[in-house]
Amino acid sequence: MGISYQTGTAAPVVRTGEERATLVRRTYALVLVSVIVTMVGTSFALSQPRLLQAVAAHPIIAMLCAFAPLLLATRKKAEFPMNIGLVLLFNFVMGVVISPAIFIYGRQQPGLITQAATLTLGAFGVLTLYAFVSRRDFSAWGSFLMVGLWVLIGTMLLNLFFRNSMVDTWLAGVTVLLFSGMLVFDTWRLRNHYGPDEYVGAAVQIYLDLLNMFMAILRLLGARRN
């Protein structure tokens, strides 16, 4: 999918252990709720054949509709609960956006979605633990990962015209690696650089890392079985 959302301050502002614990707790609570809302959005779309067909026929329009509330949320960062509501609306629409892919993989290869979700959850746990316990400074990863993200997006757009299945499989593998790195980097920023009230932006970024990893792993597993 290749989408990201940048936030956070340039210098550390979380100064006490209590503030950091509150930030982490709020962030991961919102990530969990975001994942659940996305699942609800996907289930809703799967139960509405006309909506499912419309999203499959117009994926770009669907994606624009998904990011509209997220862009608005970036301008309402401090306006609680509007910022939370806009993020959850974004999560729900993202569930609708990915529903055609979920429908296809679910029909053609039963069990694949569960396997992809399990692998994503396992990778999330390992990478998050590594980012929290490691004493490394991951600040240098930021510019490298952003360049990699733009290269990935450009290559994906080109492959939309060429429709090369081998290239698509390679891109899925690169996406998994790239967003694994971004998850480590964003978790490190959560621990060191986000302010106490920036949990919404932090949660959105981690959620997007997870979503991109899941969709890429799903494509990799699907290509392997094919």
C-alpha atoms as a PDB file:
ATOM      1  CA  MET A   1       0.000   0.000   0.000  1.00  0.00           C
ATOM      2  CA  GLY A   2       2.870   2.329   0.819  1.00  0.00           C
ATOM      3  CA  ILE A   3       1.252   5.011   2.986  1.00  0.00           C
ATOM      4  CA  SER A   4       2.669   6.813   5.983  1.00  0.00           C
ATOM      5  CA  TYR A   5       1.882   9.675   8.339  1.00  0.00           C
ATOM      6  CA  GLN A   6       4.578  11.770   9.969  1.00  0.00           C
ATOM      7  CA  THR A   7       4.262  13.530  13.300  1.00  0.00           C
ATOM      8  CA  GLY A   8       6.240  14.065  16.461  1.00  0.00           C
ATOM      9  CA  THR A   9       8.567  16.770  17.708  1.00  0.00           C
ATOM     10  CA  ALA A  10      12.184  17.341  16.818  1.00  0.00           C
ATOM     11  CA  ALA A  11      13.445  17.084  20.394  1.00  0.00           C
ATOM     12  CA  PRO A  12      12.461  14.881  23.330  1.00  0.00           C
ATOM     13  CA  VAL A  13       9.662  16.418  25.421  1.00  0.00           C
ATOM     14  CA  VAL A  14       8.490  13.464  27.527  1.00  0.00           C
ATOM     15  CA  ARG A  15      10.400  14.077  30.730  1.00  0.00           C
ATOM     16  CA  THR A  16       9.046  11.695  33.373  1.00  0.00           C
ATOM     17  CA  GLY A  17       8.420   7.985  33.527  1.00  0.00           C
ATOM     18  CA  GLU A  18       4.772   8.621  34.353  1.00  0.00           C
ATOM     19  CA  GLU A  19       4.290  10.814  31.272  1.00  0.00           C
ATOM     20  CA  ARG A  20       5.967   8.221  29.067  1.00  0.00           C
ATOM     21  CA  ALA A  21       3.838   5.407  30.503  1.00  0.00           C
ATOM     22  CA  THR A  22       0.658   7.422  29.907  1.00  0.00           C
ATOM     23  CA  LEU A  23       1.726   8.201  26.351  1.00  0.00           C
ATOM     24  CA  VAL A  24       2.501   4.557  25.568  1.00  0.00           C
ATOM     25  CA  ARG A  25      -0.741   3.329  27.153  1.00  0.00           C
ATOM     26  CA  ARG A  26      -2.889   5.830  25.226  1.00  0.00           C
ATOM     27  CA  THR A  27      -1.065   5.173  21.968  1.00  0.00           C
ATOM     28  CA  TYR A  28      -1.440   1.404  21.976  1.00  0.00           C
ATOM     29  CA  ALA A  29      -5.020   1.602  23.226  1.00  0.00           C
ATOM     30  CA  LEU A  30      -5.861   3.756  20.207  1.00  0.00           C
ATOM     31  CA  VAL A  31      -3.937   1.393  17.898  1.00  0.00           C
ATOM     32  CA  LEU A  32      -5.988  -1.538  19.215  1.00  0.00           C
ATOM     33  CA  VAL A  33      -9.257   0.337  18.759  1.00  0.00           C
ATOM     34  CA  SER A  34      -8.160   1.403  15.267  1.00  0.00           C
ATOM     35  CA  VAL A  35      -7.526  -2.196  14.235  1.00  0.00           C
ATOM     36  CA  ILE A  36     -10.914  -3.277  15.597  1.00  0.00           C
ATOM     37  CA  VAL A  37     -12.696  -0.437  13.774  1.00  0.00           C
ATOM     38  CA  THR A  38     -10.892  -1.387  10.548  1.00  0.00           C
ATOM     39  CA  MET A  39     -12.127  -4.961  10.938  1.00  0.00           C
ATOM     40  CA  VAL A  40     -15.659  -3.626  11.453  1.00  0.00           C
ATOM     41  CA  GLY A  41     -15.328  -1.532   8.287  1.00  0.00           C
ATOM     42  CA  THR A  42     -14.148  -4.543   6.308  1.00  0.00           C
ATOM     43  CA  SER A  43     -16.978  -6.720   7.627  1.00  0.00           C
ATOM     44  CA  PHE A  44     -19.508  -4.025   6.777  1.00  0.00           C
ATOM     45  CA  ALA A  45     -18.214  -3.733   3.194  1.00  0.00           C
ATOM     46  CA  LEU A  46     -18.219  -7.506   2.753  1.00  0.00           C
ATOM     47  CA  SER A  47     -21.886  -7.547   3.729  1.00  0.00           C
ATOM     48  CA  GLN A  48     -22.739  -4.887   1.120  1.00  0.00           C
ATOM     49  CA  PRO A  49     -22.102  -6.281  -2.407  1.00  0.00           C
ATOM     50  CA  ARG A  50     -22.781  -2.956  -4.145  1.00  0.00           C
ATOM     51  CA  LEU A  51     -20.346  -1.103  -1.900  1.00  0.00           C
ATOM     52  CA  LEU A  52     -17.755  -3.829  -2.401  1.00  0.00           C
ATOM     53  CA  GLN A  53     -18.093  -3.591  -6.178  1.00  0.00           C
ATOM     54  CA  ALA A  54     -17.906   0.198  -6.105  1.00  0.00           C
ATOM     55  CA  VAL A  55     -14.666   0.154  -4.063  1.00  0.00           C
ATOM     56  CA  ALA A  56     -13.153  -2.485  -6.357  1.00  0.00           C
ATOM     57  CA  ALA A  57     -14.077  -0.421  -9.425  1.00  0.00           C
ATOM     58  CA  HIS A  58     -12.846   2.907  -8.032  1.00  0.00           C
ATOM     59  CA  PRO A  59      -9.956   2.210  -5.597  1.00  0.00           C
ATOM     60  CA  ILE A  60      -8.362   5.667  -5.993  1.00  0.00           C
ATOM     61  CA  ILE A  61     -11.595   7.464  -5.129  1.00  0.00           C
ATOM     62  CA  ALA A  62     -12.056   5.142  -2.155  1.00  0.00           C
ATOM     63  CA  MET A  63      -8.532   5.909  -0.933  1.00  0.00           C
ATOM     64  CA  LEU A  64      -9.118   9.653  -1.238  1.00  0.00           C
ATOM     65  CA  CYS A  65     -12.312   9.287   0.781  1.00  0.00           C
ATOM     66  CA  ALA A  66     -10.345   7.418   3.450  1.00  0.00           C
ATOM     67  CA  PHE A  67      -7.627  10.040   3.790  1.00  0.00           C
ATOM     68  CA  ALA A  68      -9.986  13.020   3.856  1.00  0.00           C
ATOM     69  CA  PRO A  69     -10.821  12.604   7.586  1.00  0.00           C
ATOM     70  CA  LEU A  70      -7.163  11.851   8.384  1.00  0.00           C
ATOM     71  CA  LEU A  71      -6.014  15.083   6.738  1.00  0.00           C
ATOM     72  CA  LEU A  72      -8.675  16.941   8.685  1.00  0.00           C
ATOM     73  CA  ALA A  73      -7.509  15.240  11.884  1.00  0.00           C
ATOM     74  CA  THR A  74      -3.985  16.623  11.346  1.00  0.00           C
ATOM     75  CA  ARG A  75      -5.491  20.125  11.546  1.00  0.00           C
ATOM     76  CA  LYS A  76      -7.494  19.242  14.663  1.00  0.00           C
ATOM     77  CA  LYS A  77      -4.719  17.553  16.637  1.00  0.00           C
ATOM     78  CA  ALA A  78      -5.560  19.222  19.931  1.00  0.00           C
ATOM     79  CA  GLU A  79      -9.358  19.184  19.601  1.00  0.00           C
ATOM     80  CA  PHE A  80     -10.495  16.185  21.634  1.00  0.00           C
ATOM     81  CA  PRO A  81     -12.688  14.221  20.947  1.00  0.00           C
ATOM     82  CA  MET A  82     -12.955  15.416  17.339  1.00  0.00           C
ATOM     83  CA  ASN A  83      -9.412  14.215  16.548  1.00  0.00           C
ATOM     84  CA  ILE A  84     -10.225  10.724  17.842  1.00  0.00           C
ATOM     85  CA  GLY A  85     -13.509  10.616  15.938  1.00  0.00           C
ATOM     86  CA  LEU A  86     -11.831  11.604  12.663  1.00  0.00           C
ATOM     87  CA  VAL A  87      -9.109   8.977  13.112  1.00  0.00           C
ATOM     88  CA  LEU A  88     -11.700   6.270  13.800  1.00  0.00           C
ATOM     89  CA  LEU A  89     -13.648   7.362  10.717  1.00  0.00           C
ATOM     90  CA  PHE A  90     -10.414   7.010   8.732  1.00  0.00           C
ATOM     91  CA  ASN A  91      -9.916   3.525  10.217  1.00  0.00           C
ATOM     92  CA  PHE A  92     -13.428   2.463   9.262  1.00  0.00           C
ATOM     93  CA  VAL A  93     -13.090   3.689   5.672  1.00  0.00           C
ATOM     94  CA  MET A  94      -9.684   2.004   5.377  1.00  0.00           C
ATOM     95  CA  GLY A  95     -11.436  -1.234   6.303  1.00  0.00           C
ATOM     96  CA  VAL A  96     -13.822  -0.604   3.432  1.00  0.00           C
ATOM     97  CA  VAL A  97     -10.910   0.187   1.085  1.00  0.00           C
ATOM     98  CA  ILE A  98      -9.100  -3.102   1.749  1.00  0.00           C
ATOM     99  CA  SER A  99     -12.299  -5.179   1.649  1.00  0.00           C
ATOM    100  CA  PRO A 100     -12.001  -6.200  -2.050  1.00  0.00           C
ATOM    101  CA  ALA A 101      -8.552  -7.694  -1.423  1.00  0.00           C
ATOM    102  CA  ILE A 102      -9.807  -9.442   1.700  1.00  0.00           C
ATOM    103  CA  PHE A 103     -12.778 -10.801  -0.265  1.00  0.00           C
ATOM    104  CA  ILE A 104     -10.571 -12.165  -3.074  1.00  0.00           C
ATOM    105  CA  TYR A 105      -8.003 -13.806  -0.789  1.00  0.00           C
ATOM    106  CA  GLY A 106     -10.734 -15.167   1.463  1.00  0.00           C
ATOM    107  CA  ARG A 107     -12.545 -16.812  -1.451  1.00  0.00           C
ATOM    108  CA  GLN A 108      -9.511 -18.134  -3.323  1.00  0.00           C
ATOM    109  CA  GLN A 109      -7.264 -19.156  -0.425  1.00  0.00           C
ATOM    110  CA  PRO A 110      -9.139 -19.848   2.843  1.00  0.00           C
ATOM    111  CA  GLY A 111      -6.983 -19.459   5.923  1.00  0.00           C
ATOM    112  CA  LEU A 112      -4.541 -17.088   4.248  1.00  0.00           C
ATOM    113  CA  ILE A 113      -5.896 -14.001   6.009  1.00  0.00           C
ATOM    114  CA  THR A 114      -5.558 -15.606   9.437  1.00  0.00           C
ATOM    115  CA  GLN A 115      -2.011 -16.677   8.623  1.00  0.00           C
ATOM    116  CA  ALA A 116      -1.077 -13.175   7.452  1.00  0.00           C
ATOM    117  CA  ALA A 117      -2.637 -11.625  10.566  1.00  0.00           C
ATOM    118  CA  THR A 118      -0.739 -14.034  12.817  1.00  0.00           C
ATOM    119  CA  LEU A 119       2.586 -13.272  11.120  1.00  0.00           C
ATOM    120  CA  THR A 120       1.912  -9.532  11.308  1.00  0.00           C
ATOM    121  CA  LEU A 121       1.056  -9.734  15.009  1.00  0.00           C
ATOM    122  CA  GLY A 122       4.194 -11.765  15.694  1.00  0.00           C
ATOM    123  CA  ALA A 123       6.398  -9.333  13.774  1.00  0.00           C
ATOM    124  CA  PHE A 124       4.764  -6.413  15.572  1.00  0.00           C
ATOM    125  CA  GLY A 125       5.518  -7.926  18.961  1.00  0.00           C
ATOM    126  CA  VAL A 126       9.142  -8.729  18.160  1.00  0.00           C
ATOM    127  CA  LEU A 127       9.914  -5.375  16.501  1.00  0.00           C
ATOM    128  CA  THR A 128       8.180  -3.363  19.225  1.00  0.00           C
ATOM    129  CA  LEU A 129      10.061  -5.200  21.951  1.00  0.00           C
ATOM    130  CA  TYR A 130      13.342  -4.648  20.098  1.00  0.00           C
ATOM    131  CA  ALA A 131      12.679  -0.916  19.745  1.00  0.00           C
ATOM    132  CA  PHE A 132      11.861  -0.565  23.450  1.00  0.00           C
ATOM    133  CA  VAL A 133      14.764  -2.571  24.870  1.00  0.00           C
ATOM    134  CA  SER A 134      17.438  -1.491  22.388  1.00  0.00           C
ATOM    135  CA  ARG A 135      19.738   1.345  23.410  1.00  0.00           C
ATOM    136  CA  ARG A 136      20.505   2.248  19.792  1.00  0.00           C
ATOM    137  CA  ASP A 137      19.772   5.687  18.410  1.00  0.00           C
ATOM    138  CA  PHE A 138      17.463   5.162  15.421  1.00  0.00           C
ATOM    139  CA  SER A 139      17.231   8.850  14.481  1.00  0.00           C
ATOM    140  CA  ALA A 140      19.367   8.281  11.361  1.00  0.00           C
ATOM    141  CA  TRP A 141      16.765   5.865  10.002  1.00  0.00           C
ATOM    142  CA  GLY A 142      14.188   8.597   9.404  1.00  0.00           C
ATOM    143  CA  SER A 143      15.510  10.142   6.180  1.00  0.00           C
ATOM    144  CA  PHE A 144      16.555   6.762   4.766  1.00  0.00           C
ATOM    145  CA  LEU A 145      13.096   5.278   5.373  1.00  0.00           C
ATOM    146  CA  MET A 146      11.305   8.278   3.868  1.00  0.00           C
ATOM    147  CA  VAL A 147      13.401   8.081   0.697  1.00  0.00           C
ATOM    148  CA  GLY A 148      12.684   4.356   0.537  1.00  0.00           C
ATOM    149  CA  LEU A 149       8.968   5.024   0.962  1.00  0.00           C
ATOM    150  CA  TRP A 150       8.841   7.478  -1.947  1.00  0.00           C
ATOM    151  CA  VAL A 151      10.843   5.119  -4.162  1.00  0.00           C
ATOM    152  CA  LEU A 152       8.447   2.311  -3.244  1.00  0.00           C
ATOM    153  CA  ILE A 153       5.382   4.428  -4.047  1.00  0.00           C
ATOM    154  CA  GLY A 154       6.871   5.486  -7.394  1.00  0.00           C
ATOM    155  CA  THR A 155       7.716   1.909  -8.332  1.00  0.00           C
ATOM    156  CA  MET A 156       4.225   0.734  -7.368  1.00  0.00           C
ATOM    157  CA  LEU A 157       2.662   3.402  -9.579  1.00  0.00           C
ATOM    158  CA  LEU A 158       4.834   2.329 -12.502  1.00  0.00           C
ATOM    159  CA  ASN A 159       3.912  -1.297 -11.974  1.00  0.00           C
ATOM    160  CA  LEU A 160       0.234  -0.359 -12.250  1.00  0.00           C
ATOM    161  CA  PHE A 161       0.889   0.165 -15.950  1.00  0.00           C
ATOM    162  CA  PHE A 162       3.161  -2.848 -16.563  1.00  0.00           C
ATOM    163  CA  ARG A 163       1.236  -5.353 -14.397  1.00  0.00           C
ATOM    164  CA  ASN A 164       4.272  -7.548 -13.754  1.00  0.00           C
ATOM    165  CA  SER A 165       3.416 -10.206 -11.160  1.00  0.00           C
ATOM    166  CA  MET A 166       7.079 -10.902 -10.347  1.00  0.00           C
ATOM    167  CA  VAL A 167       7.737  -7.219  -9.690  1.00  0.00           C
ATOM    168  CA  ASP A 168       4.603  -7.066  -7.548  1.00  0.00           C
ATOM    169  CA  THR A 169       5.903  -9.941  -5.415  1.00  0.00           C
ATOM    170  CA  TRP A 170       9.274  -8.226  -4.994  1.00  0.00           C
ATOM    171  CA  LEU A 171       7.519  -4.975  -4.073  1.00  0.00           C
ATOM    172  CA  ALA A 172       5.515  -6.815  -1.428  1.00  0.00           C
ATOM    173  CA  GLY A 173       8.741  -8.134   0.091  1.00  0.00           C
ATOM    174  CA  VAL A 174      10.314  -4.663   0.060  1.00  0.00           C
ATOM    175  CA  THR A 175       7.160  -3.249   1.654  1.00  0.00           C
ATOM    176  CA  VAL A 176       7.400  -5.719   4.537  1.00  0.00           C
ATOM    177  CA  LEU A 177      11.042  -4.792   5.145  1.00  0.00           C
ATOM    178  CA  LEU A 178      10.438  -1.051   4.790  1.00  0.00           C
ATOM    179  CA  PHE A 179       7.503  -0.903   7.177  1.00  0.00           C
ATOM    180  CA  SER A 180       9.251  -3.208   9.623  1.00  0.00           C
ATOM    181  CA  GLY A 181      11.974  -0.573   9.759  1.00  0.00           C
ATOM    182  CA  MET A 182       9.392   2.190  10.053  1.00  0.00           C
ATOM    183  CA  LEU A 183       7.700   0.362  12.920  1.00  0.00           C
ATOM    184  CA  VAL A 184      11.004   0.205  14.807  1.00  0.00           C
ATOM    185  CA  PHE A 185      11.683   3.874  14.042  1.00  0.00           C
ATOM    186  CA  ASP A 186       8.181   5.019  15.040  1.00  0.00           C
ATOM    187  CA  THR A 187       8.284   2.969  18.245  1.00  0.00           C
ATOM    188  CA  TRP A 188      11.655   4.534  19.079  1.00  0.00           C
ATOM    189  CA  ARG A 189      10.153   7.991  18.459  1.00  0.00           C
ATOM    190  CA  LEU A 190       7.243   7.092  20.723  1.00  0.00           C
ATOM    191  CA  ARG A 191       9.679   6.217  23.473  1.00  0.00           C
ATOM    192  CA  ASN A 192      11.969   9.224  23.016  1.00  0.00           C
ATOM    193  CA  HIS A 193      10.472  12.069  21.012  1.00  0.00           C
ATOM    194  CA  TYR A 194       6.694  12.269  21.191  1.00  0.00           C
ATOM    195  CA  GLY A 195       5.072  14.664  23.624  1.00  0.00           C
ATOM    196  CA  PRO A 196       2.542  13.492  26.227  1.00  0.00           C
ATOM    197  CA  ASP A 197      -0.405  14.716  24.135  1.00  0.00           C
ATOM    198  CA  GLU A 198       0.810  13.400  20.768  1.00  0.00           C
ATOM    199  CA  TYR A 199      -0.581   9.900  21.176  1.00  0.00           C
ATOM    200  CA  VAL A 200      -3.087  10.346  18.317  1.00  0.00           C
ATOM    201  CA  GLY A 201      -0.391  10.988  15.713  1.00  0.00           C
ATOM    202  CA  ALA A 202       1.796   8.238  17.167  1.00  0.00           C
ATOM    203  CA  ALA A 203      -1.091   5.752  17.049  1.00  0.00           C
ATOM    204  CA  VAL A 204      -1.930   6.631  13.433  1.00  0.00           C
ATOM    205  CA  GLN A 205       1.666   6.080  12.347  1.00  0.00           C
ATOM    206  CA  ILE A 206       1.968   2.712  14.095  1.00  0.00           C
ATOM    207  CA  TYR A 207      -1.433   1.693  12.735  1.00  0.00           C
ATOM    208  CA  LEU A 208      -0.327   2.497   9.174  1.00  0.00           C
ATOM    209  CA  ASP A 209       2.890   0.532   9.691  1.00  0.00           C
ATOM    210  CA  LEU A 210       0.825  -2.459  10.790  1.00  0.00           C
ATOM    211  CA  LEU A 211      -1.705  -2.134   7.982  1.00  0.00           C
ATOM    212  CA  ASN A 212       0.964  -1.903   5.294  1.00  0.00           C
ATOM    213  CA  MET A 213       2.844  -4.866   6.756  1.00  0.00           C
ATOM    214  CA  PHE A 214      -0.330  -6.959   6.886  1.00  0.00           C
ATOM    215  CA  MET A 215      -1.349  -6.212   3.295  1.00  0.00           C
ATOM    216  CA  ALA A 216       2.189  -6.860   2.024  1.00  0.00           C
ATOM    217  CA  ILE A 217       2.457 -10.164   3.915  1.00  0.00           C
ATOM    218  CA  LEU A 218      -0.940 -11.123   2.503  1.00  0.00           C
ATOM    219  CA  ARG A 219       0.321 -10.455  -1.041  1.00  0.00           C
ATOM    220  CA  LEU A 220       3.516 -12.423  -0.392  1.00  0.00           C
ATOM    221  CA  LEU A 221       1.664 -15.456   0.954  1.00  0.00           C
ATOM    222  CA  GLY A 222      -0.850 -15.293  -1.884  1.00  0.00           C
ATOM    223  CA  ALA A 223       1.912 -15.152  -4.505  1.00  0.00           C
ATOM    224  CA  ARG A 224       3.725 -18.064  -2.867  1.00  0.00           C
ATOM    225  CA  ARG A 225       0.645 -20.286  -2.942  1.00  0.00           C
ATOM    226  CA  ASN A 226      -0.137 -19.311  -6.524  1.00  0.00           C
END
